[in-house]
Amino acid sequence: MTGVLTPAIVRWVKLSLWTLLAGATVIIFYTWFTMLSPWGYTAPDGLEPIDDSRQHRLFVFGTLRSPVIRWVVMGRAGEQMPATLEGYRKEALDISPAPEAEVHGYVLTVSPRELSRLDRYERLGIRYERVKMALADGTSAWVYRRLAQ
C-alpha cells in the first residue's frame, strides 16, 4: 500500500513541523534578544562615549569577518577592505602580542549607530574592550580585544 498516508505518518509529519517551527522561533528570539533588543546588555559605567560626528574604522578578525553576522548585527554587511595587524597573532577569540606574527582581517567603515550595535554584540566592557590600533598600512582602526578574565 504505497502512497497512502496513515494517521501515524500524518501525526509524525505534524509533530516534526511543529518542532521545526518551535526551534526556529527560539533561534530568532535569541538572536533578536542578544543582538538587537534594548534588554540583555547594559554597558558598564565609565565607557568612553562614541563620537557621533564621524564614521569609524573597525578592524575585524573573527566572527565579524562574516557578512551574514554583520548584516544581523548592524543591519547591513558593509564593505570590507583587506587589512593586516602586524605584531599580533590570533588566539581563538582574541589577539595577543607576537613580534613576528600578523593577523589578517578586514577594515569596515561604520556609522556611530552601527559601532554601538557592534559594541553590544561584543559586550563592550564585559567581554571585550575597543582600542585604537595601528594597521600595517599605517592607518588606525578600532579593534575589539578580550578583557582579562
N, C-alpha and C. Protein backbone atom coordinates (compact mmCIF):
# COMPACT_ATOMS: atom_id res chain seq x y z
N MET A 1 0.81 -1.17 0.00
CA MET A 1 0.00 0.00 0.00
C MET A 1 0.87 1.25 0.00
N THR A 2 1.59 1.47 -1.05
CA THR A 2 2.44 2.65 -1.12
C THR A 2 1.62 3.86 -1.52
N GLY A 3 2.07 5.04 -1.07
CA GLY A 3 1.38 6.28 -1.41
C GLY A 3 0.23 6.63 -0.49
N VAL A 4 0.01 5.81 0.54
CA VAL A 4 -1.09 6.08 1.47
C VAL A 4 -0.51 6.69 2.75
N LEU A 5 -1.08 7.82 3.16
CA LEU A 5 -0.66 8.45 4.40
C LEU A 5 -1.50 7.91 5.54
N THR A 6 -0.86 7.18 6.41
CA THR A 6 -1.56 6.64 7.56
C THR A 6 -1.66 7.72 8.64
N PRO A 7 -2.57 7.58 9.57
CA PRO A 7 -2.68 8.55 10.65
C PRO A 7 -1.37 8.71 11.44
N ALA A 8 -0.62 7.64 11.59
CA ALA A 8 0.64 7.72 12.32
C ALA A 8 1.65 8.59 11.56
N ILE A 9 1.70 8.46 10.24
CA ILE A 9 2.62 9.27 9.44
C ILE A 9 2.21 10.74 9.48
N VAL A 10 0.91 10.99 9.39
CA VAL A 10 0.42 12.37 9.44
C VAL A 10 0.78 13.00 10.78
N ARG A 11 0.59 12.27 11.89
CA ARG A 11 0.95 12.78 13.22
C ARG A 11 2.45 13.07 13.29
N TRP A 12 3.27 12.17 12.75
CA TRP A 12 4.72 12.36 12.78
C TRP A 12 5.13 13.60 11.98
N VAL A 13 4.52 13.80 10.80
CA VAL A 13 4.82 14.97 9.99
C VAL A 13 4.41 16.25 10.72
N LYS A 14 3.21 16.26 11.31
CA LYS A 14 2.76 17.44 12.06
C LYS A 14 3.69 17.74 13.23
N LEU A 15 4.05 16.71 13.98
CA LEU A 15 4.95 16.88 15.12
C LEU A 15 6.31 17.42 14.66
N SER A 16 6.81 16.90 13.57
CA SER A 16 8.09 17.37 13.04
C SER A 16 8.02 18.83 12.63
N LEU A 17 6.95 19.21 11.96
CA LEU A 17 6.79 20.60 11.55
C LEU A 17 6.67 21.54 12.75
N TRP A 18 5.91 21.15 13.76
CA TRP A 18 5.79 21.97 14.97
C TRP A 18 7.13 22.08 15.70
N THR A 19 7.89 21.02 15.72
CA THR A 19 9.22 21.04 16.35
C THR A 19 10.15 21.98 15.60
N LEU A 20 10.15 21.92 14.28
CA LEU A 20 10.98 22.83 13.49
C LEU A 20 10.55 24.29 13.69
N LEU A 21 9.26 24.53 13.73
CA LEU A 21 8.76 25.88 13.95
C LEU A 21 9.17 26.40 15.33
N ALA A 22 9.05 25.57 16.35
CA ALA A 22 9.44 25.97 17.71
C ALA A 22 10.94 26.25 17.77
N GLY A 23 11.74 25.40 17.16
CA GLY A 23 13.19 25.61 17.14
C GLY A 23 13.57 26.91 16.43
N ALA A 24 12.96 27.17 15.29
CA ALA A 24 13.24 28.40 14.54
C ALA A 24 12.82 29.62 15.36
N THR A 25 11.71 29.53 16.06
CA THR A 25 11.24 30.64 16.89
C THR A 25 12.24 30.93 18.01
N VAL A 26 12.74 29.89 18.65
CA VAL A 26 13.72 30.07 19.72
C VAL A 26 14.99 30.72 19.19
N ILE A 27 15.48 30.27 18.04
CA ILE A 27 16.70 30.84 17.45
C ILE A 27 16.49 32.31 17.08
N ILE A 28 15.37 32.63 16.47
CA ILE A 28 15.09 34.01 16.09
C ILE A 28 14.98 34.90 17.33
N PHE A 29 14.28 34.43 18.36
CA PHE A 29 14.14 35.22 19.58
C PHE A 29 15.50 35.43 20.24
N TYR A 30 16.30 34.40 20.34
CA TYR A 30 17.62 34.51 20.96
C TYR A 30 18.49 35.51 20.19
N THR A 31 18.48 35.42 18.87
CA THR A 31 19.26 36.34 18.05
C THR A 31 18.80 37.77 18.26
N TRP A 32 17.51 38.00 18.24
CA TRP A 32 16.98 39.35 18.46
C TRP A 32 17.34 39.84 19.86
N PHE A 33 17.15 39.02 20.88
CA PHE A 33 17.39 39.42 22.26
C PHE A 33 18.86 39.77 22.49
N THR A 34 19.77 38.95 21.97
CA THR A 34 21.19 39.19 22.26
C THR A 34 21.80 40.27 21.39
N MET A 35 21.30 40.49 20.19
CA MET A 35 21.95 41.42 19.28
C MET A 35 21.20 42.72 19.04
N LEU A 36 19.89 42.73 19.19
CA LEU A 36 19.13 43.91 18.79
C LEU A 36 18.22 44.50 19.85
N SER A 37 17.81 43.72 20.81
CA SER A 37 16.82 44.22 21.77
C SER A 37 17.44 45.24 22.73
N PRO A 38 16.61 46.07 23.34
CA PRO A 38 17.13 47.01 24.34
C PRO A 38 17.42 46.34 25.68
N TRP A 39 17.15 45.05 25.81
CA TRP A 39 17.39 44.31 27.05
C TRP A 39 18.55 43.35 26.86
N GLY A 40 19.08 42.83 27.93
CA GLY A 40 20.10 41.79 27.84
C GLY A 40 21.53 42.31 27.89
N TYR A 41 21.72 43.61 27.70
CA TYR A 41 23.07 44.17 27.79
C TYR A 41 22.96 45.61 28.26
N THR A 42 23.68 45.91 29.28
CA THR A 42 23.81 47.29 29.74
C THR A 42 25.29 47.60 29.77
N ALA A 43 25.67 48.60 29.03
CA ALA A 43 27.08 48.98 29.00
C ALA A 43 27.52 49.41 30.39
N PRO A 44 28.67 48.93 30.85
CA PRO A 44 29.16 49.33 32.17
C PRO A 44 29.44 50.83 32.23
N ASP A 45 29.38 51.38 33.43
CA ASP A 45 29.72 52.79 33.63
C ASP A 45 31.19 53.02 33.28
N GLY A 46 31.48 54.20 32.83
CA GLY A 46 32.87 54.57 32.58
C GLY A 46 33.37 54.33 31.18
N LEU A 47 32.54 53.77 30.30
CA LEU A 47 32.99 53.59 28.92
C LEU A 47 32.99 54.94 28.21
N GLU A 48 33.99 55.12 27.37
CA GLU A 48 34.08 56.36 26.60
C GLU A 48 32.92 56.43 25.61
N PRO A 49 32.24 57.56 25.53
CA PRO A 49 31.12 57.67 24.57
C PRO A 49 31.63 57.62 23.13
N ILE A 50 30.76 57.17 22.24
CA ILE A 50 31.09 57.09 20.82
C ILE A 50 30.98 58.48 20.21
N ASP A 51 31.97 58.86 19.42
CA ASP A 51 31.95 60.15 18.72
C ASP A 51 30.89 60.08 17.63
N ASP A 52 29.79 60.82 17.81
CA ASP A 52 28.67 60.78 16.86
C ASP A 52 28.88 61.66 15.63
N SER A 53 30.01 62.36 15.56
CA SER A 53 30.19 63.32 14.48
C SER A 53 30.89 62.74 13.25
N ARG A 54 31.25 61.45 13.29
CA ARG A 54 32.01 60.91 12.16
C ARG A 54 31.81 59.40 12.03
N GLN A 55 32.27 58.89 10.90
CA GLN A 55 32.32 57.45 10.67
C GLN A 55 33.52 56.87 11.42
N HIS A 56 33.49 55.58 11.68
CA HIS A 56 34.57 54.91 12.42
C HIS A 56 35.12 53.76 11.59
N ARG A 57 36.42 53.54 11.71
CA ARG A 57 37.08 52.40 11.07
C ARG A 57 37.24 51.30 12.11
N LEU A 58 36.90 50.07 11.72
CA LEU A 58 36.96 48.94 12.63
C LEU A 58 37.67 47.78 11.95
N PHE A 59 38.70 47.24 12.60
CA PHE A 59 39.40 46.06 12.10
C PHE A 59 38.74 44.83 12.70
N VAL A 60 38.30 43.90 11.85
CA VAL A 60 37.65 42.67 12.31
C VAL A 60 38.47 41.47 11.88
N PHE A 61 38.58 40.49 12.77
CA PHE A 61 39.42 39.33 12.50
C PHE A 61 38.77 38.02 12.90
N GLY A 62 37.59 38.06 13.47
CA GLY A 62 36.91 36.85 13.94
C GLY A 62 35.56 36.69 13.29
N THR A 63 34.52 36.51 14.11
CA THR A 63 33.18 36.26 13.58
C THR A 63 32.66 37.42 12.74
N LEU A 64 33.12 38.64 13.03
CA LEU A 64 32.64 39.80 12.27
C LEU A 64 33.20 39.86 10.85
N ARG A 65 34.08 38.94 10.48
CA ARG A 65 34.51 38.85 9.08
C ARG A 65 33.35 38.36 8.21
N SER A 66 32.39 37.69 8.81
CA SER A 66 31.26 37.14 8.06
C SER A 66 30.24 38.23 7.73
N PRO A 67 29.95 38.44 6.44
CA PRO A 67 28.93 39.43 6.07
C PRO A 67 27.56 39.11 6.66
N VAL A 68 27.24 37.84 6.84
CA VAL A 68 25.95 37.45 7.40
C VAL A 68 25.85 37.92 8.85
N ILE A 69 26.89 37.70 9.63
CA ILE A 69 26.89 38.15 11.03
C ILE A 69 26.78 39.67 11.09
N ARG A 70 27.54 40.36 10.25
CA ARG A 70 27.47 41.83 10.24
C ARG A 70 26.09 42.32 9.85
N TRP A 71 25.46 41.65 8.90
CA TRP A 71 24.11 42.05 8.48
C TRP A 71 23.13 41.91 9.63
N VAL A 72 23.23 40.81 10.38
CA VAL A 72 22.33 40.60 11.52
C VAL A 72 22.60 41.65 12.61
N VAL A 73 23.88 41.92 12.88
CA VAL A 73 24.22 42.84 13.98
C VAL A 73 24.01 44.30 13.59
N MET A 74 24.52 44.71 12.43
CA MET A 74 24.50 46.12 12.03
C MET A 74 23.30 46.52 11.18
N GLY A 75 22.67 45.54 10.55
CA GLY A 75 21.59 45.85 9.62
C GLY A 75 22.06 45.93 8.18
N ARG A 76 23.36 45.73 7.96
CA ARG A 76 23.93 45.67 6.61
C ARG A 76 25.28 44.97 6.72
N ALA A 77 25.72 44.41 5.62
CA ALA A 77 27.02 43.72 5.63
C ALA A 77 28.17 44.71 5.56
N GLY A 78 27.97 45.82 4.86
CA GLY A 78 29.02 46.83 4.73
C GLY A 78 30.12 46.36 3.78
N GLU A 79 30.92 47.32 3.36
CA GLU A 79 32.06 46.99 2.50
C GLU A 79 33.25 46.66 3.38
N GLN A 80 33.98 45.65 2.96
CA GLN A 80 35.16 45.22 3.70
C GLN A 80 36.40 45.39 2.84
N MET A 81 37.44 45.90 3.46
CA MET A 81 38.73 46.06 2.78
C MET A 81 39.74 45.18 3.50
N PRO A 82 40.51 44.36 2.77
CA PRO A 82 41.52 43.53 3.43
C PRO A 82 42.51 44.40 4.22
N ALA A 83 42.90 43.92 5.38
CA ALA A 83 43.83 44.66 6.23
C ALA A 83 44.63 43.66 7.07
N THR A 84 45.76 44.17 7.59
CA THR A 84 46.64 43.33 8.40
C THR A 84 47.05 44.09 9.66
N LEU A 85 47.06 43.37 10.76
CA LEU A 85 47.54 43.90 12.03
C LEU A 85 48.85 43.18 12.34
N GLU A 86 49.95 43.92 12.28
CA GLU A 86 51.27 43.31 12.49
C GLU A 86 51.62 43.30 13.97
N GLY A 87 52.44 42.29 14.34
CA GLY A 87 52.91 42.20 15.71
C GLY A 87 51.95 41.51 16.65
N TYR A 88 50.92 40.86 16.09
CA TYR A 88 49.94 40.13 16.89
C TYR A 88 49.63 38.81 16.21
N ARG A 89 49.14 37.87 17.00
CA ARG A 89 48.64 36.61 16.44
C ARG A 89 47.24 36.37 17.00
N LYS A 90 46.44 35.70 16.22
CA LYS A 90 45.07 35.39 16.63
C LYS A 90 45.10 34.15 17.51
N GLU A 91 44.44 34.23 18.64
CA GLU A 91 44.31 33.09 19.56
C GLU A 91 42.84 32.95 19.92
N ALA A 92 42.18 32.03 19.27
CA ALA A 92 40.75 31.79 19.48
C ALA A 92 39.97 33.08 19.25
N LEU A 93 39.40 33.67 20.29
CA LEU A 93 38.56 34.86 20.15
C LEU A 93 39.31 36.16 20.45
N ASP A 94 40.63 36.10 20.46
CA ASP A 94 41.39 37.28 20.84
C ASP A 94 42.67 37.36 20.01
N ILE A 95 43.40 38.43 20.22
CA ILE A 95 44.73 38.59 19.64
C ILE A 95 45.70 38.83 20.79
N SER A 96 46.95 38.40 20.59
CA SER A 96 47.97 38.64 21.61
C SER A 96 49.26 39.07 20.92
N PRO A 97 50.07 39.86 21.61
CA PRO A 97 51.32 40.34 21.01
C PRO A 97 52.23 39.17 20.61
N ALA A 98 52.77 39.28 19.42
CA ALA A 98 53.73 38.30 18.89
C ALA A 98 54.53 39.03 17.82
N PRO A 99 55.76 39.45 18.13
CA PRO A 99 56.52 40.35 17.26
C PRO A 99 56.61 39.94 15.79
N GLU A 100 56.72 38.67 15.49
CA GLU A 100 56.91 38.24 14.11
C GLU A 100 55.61 37.80 13.43
N ALA A 101 54.49 37.93 14.10
CA ALA A 101 53.22 37.43 13.57
C ALA A 101 52.40 38.56 12.98
N GLU A 102 51.30 38.17 12.34
CA GLU A 102 50.33 39.14 11.84
C GLU A 102 48.95 38.50 11.79
N VAL A 103 47.96 39.34 11.93
CA VAL A 103 46.57 38.91 11.88
C VAL A 103 45.94 39.52 10.64
N HIS A 104 45.35 38.67 9.81
CA HIS A 104 44.67 39.15 8.60
C HIS A 104 43.18 39.28 8.90
N GLY A 105 42.60 40.34 8.40
CA GLY A 105 41.18 40.58 8.59
C GLY A 105 40.69 41.62 7.61
N TYR A 106 39.68 42.36 8.02
CA TYR A 106 39.10 43.40 7.18
C TYR A 106 38.92 44.68 7.98
N VAL A 107 38.94 45.79 7.28
CA VAL A 107 38.56 47.07 7.87
C VAL A 107 37.18 47.41 7.33
N LEU A 108 36.30 47.79 8.25
CA LEU A 108 34.96 48.24 7.91
C LEU A 108 34.84 49.71 8.28
N THR A 109 34.08 50.46 7.53
CA THR A 109 33.73 51.82 7.91
C THR A 109 32.29 51.77 8.38
N VAL A 110 32.08 52.17 9.64
CA VAL A 110 30.76 52.04 10.25
C VAL A 110 30.29 53.37 10.82
N SER A 111 29.00 53.53 10.89
CA SER A 111 28.40 54.73 11.48
C SER A 111 28.47 54.62 13.01
N PRO A 112 28.25 55.72 13.71
CA PRO A 112 28.21 55.66 15.18
C PRO A 112 27.15 54.67 15.69
N ARG A 113 25.99 54.65 15.04
CA ARG A 113 24.93 53.70 15.46
C ARG A 113 25.36 52.25 15.24
N GLU A 114 26.01 51.99 14.10
CA GLU A 114 26.50 50.63 13.83
C GLU A 114 27.58 50.24 14.83
N LEU A 115 28.47 51.18 15.16
CA LEU A 115 29.51 50.88 16.15
C LEU A 115 28.88 50.56 17.50
N SER A 116 27.83 51.26 17.84
CA SER A 116 27.12 50.98 19.09
C SER A 116 26.52 49.57 19.07
N ARG A 117 25.97 49.18 17.94
CA ARG A 117 25.40 47.83 17.82
C ARG A 117 26.49 46.77 17.88
N LEU A 118 27.65 47.07 17.28
CA LEU A 118 28.78 46.14 17.35
C LEU A 118 29.31 46.05 18.78
N ASP A 119 29.34 47.17 19.49
CA ASP A 119 29.74 47.15 20.90
C ASP A 119 28.84 46.23 21.71
N ARG A 120 27.56 46.31 21.43
CA ARG A 120 26.60 45.44 22.12
C ARG A 120 26.87 43.98 21.80
N TYR A 121 27.08 43.67 20.53
CA TYR A 121 27.35 42.30 20.10
C TYR A 121 28.60 41.76 20.80
N GLU A 122 29.64 42.58 20.91
CA GLU A 122 30.89 42.15 21.54
C GLU A 122 30.86 42.29 23.06
N ARG A 123 29.76 42.80 23.61
CA ARG A 123 29.61 43.00 25.05
C ARG A 123 30.75 43.87 25.58
N LEU A 124 30.86 45.05 24.96
CA LEU A 124 31.91 46.00 25.32
C LEU A 124 31.89 46.28 26.82
N GLY A 125 33.06 46.19 27.44
CA GLY A 125 33.19 46.43 28.86
C GLY A 125 32.92 45.22 29.72
N ILE A 126 32.36 44.17 29.13
CA ILE A 126 32.09 42.93 29.86
C ILE A 126 33.00 41.81 29.34
N ARG A 127 32.98 41.60 28.02
CA ARG A 127 33.84 40.58 27.41
C ARG A 127 35.01 41.19 26.65
N TYR A 128 34.76 42.34 26.03
CA TYR A 128 35.77 42.97 25.17
C TYR A 128 35.96 44.43 25.52
N GLU A 129 37.12 44.94 25.12
CA GLU A 129 37.37 46.37 25.11
C GLU A 129 37.60 46.76 23.66
N ARG A 130 37.37 48.03 23.35
CA ARG A 130 37.60 48.52 21.99
C ARG A 130 38.76 49.50 22.07
N VAL A 131 39.87 49.17 21.38
CA VAL A 131 41.07 50.00 21.44
C VAL A 131 41.49 50.42 20.02
N LYS A 132 42.11 51.58 19.92
CA LYS A 132 42.63 52.09 18.65
C LYS A 132 44.00 51.45 18.44
N MET A 133 44.22 50.86 17.26
CA MET A 133 45.49 50.21 16.95
C MET A 133 45.94 50.60 15.55
N ALA A 134 47.26 50.60 15.35
CA ALA A 134 47.84 50.92 14.04
C ALA A 134 47.86 49.65 13.19
N LEU A 135 47.43 49.79 11.94
CA LEU A 135 47.44 48.67 10.99
C LEU A 135 48.71 48.72 10.15
N ALA A 136 48.97 47.66 9.41
CA ALA A 136 50.19 47.55 8.62
C ALA A 136 50.33 48.65 7.59
N ASP A 137 49.21 49.19 7.08
CA ASP A 137 49.28 50.24 6.06
C ASP A 137 49.49 51.63 6.66
N GLY A 138 49.66 51.72 7.98
CA GLY A 138 49.91 53.00 8.63
C GLY A 138 48.66 53.70 9.14
N THR A 139 47.48 53.22 8.78
CA THR A 139 46.24 53.81 9.28
C THR A 139 45.90 53.18 10.63
N SER A 140 44.90 53.74 11.30
CA SER A 140 44.48 53.16 12.57
C SER A 140 43.01 52.79 12.48
N ALA A 141 42.62 51.89 13.36
CA ALA A 141 41.24 51.42 13.40
C ALA A 141 40.95 50.90 14.81
N TRP A 142 39.68 50.88 15.16
CA TRP A 142 39.26 50.23 16.40
C TRP A 142 39.45 48.73 16.26
N VAL A 143 39.81 48.08 17.36
CA VAL A 143 39.95 46.62 17.40
C VAL A 143 39.35 46.16 18.72
N TYR A 144 38.53 45.10 18.67
CA TYR A 144 37.99 44.51 19.90
C TYR A 144 39.00 43.51 20.45
N ARG A 145 39.33 43.66 21.74
CA ARG A 145 40.25 42.75 22.43
C ARG A 145 39.56 42.22 23.67
N ARG A 146 39.76 40.93 23.93
CA ARG A 146 39.17 40.29 25.11
C ARG A 146 39.69 40.94 26.38
N LEU A 147 38.81 41.13 27.34
CA LEU A 147 39.22 41.59 28.66
C LEU A 147 39.77 40.41 29.44
N ALA A 148 40.72 40.67 30.32
CA ALA A 148 41.26 39.61 31.17
C ALA A 148 40.14 39.04 32.03
N GLN A 149 40.10 37.74 32.13
CA GLN A 149 39.03 37.09 32.90
C GLN A 149 39.29 37.17 34.37
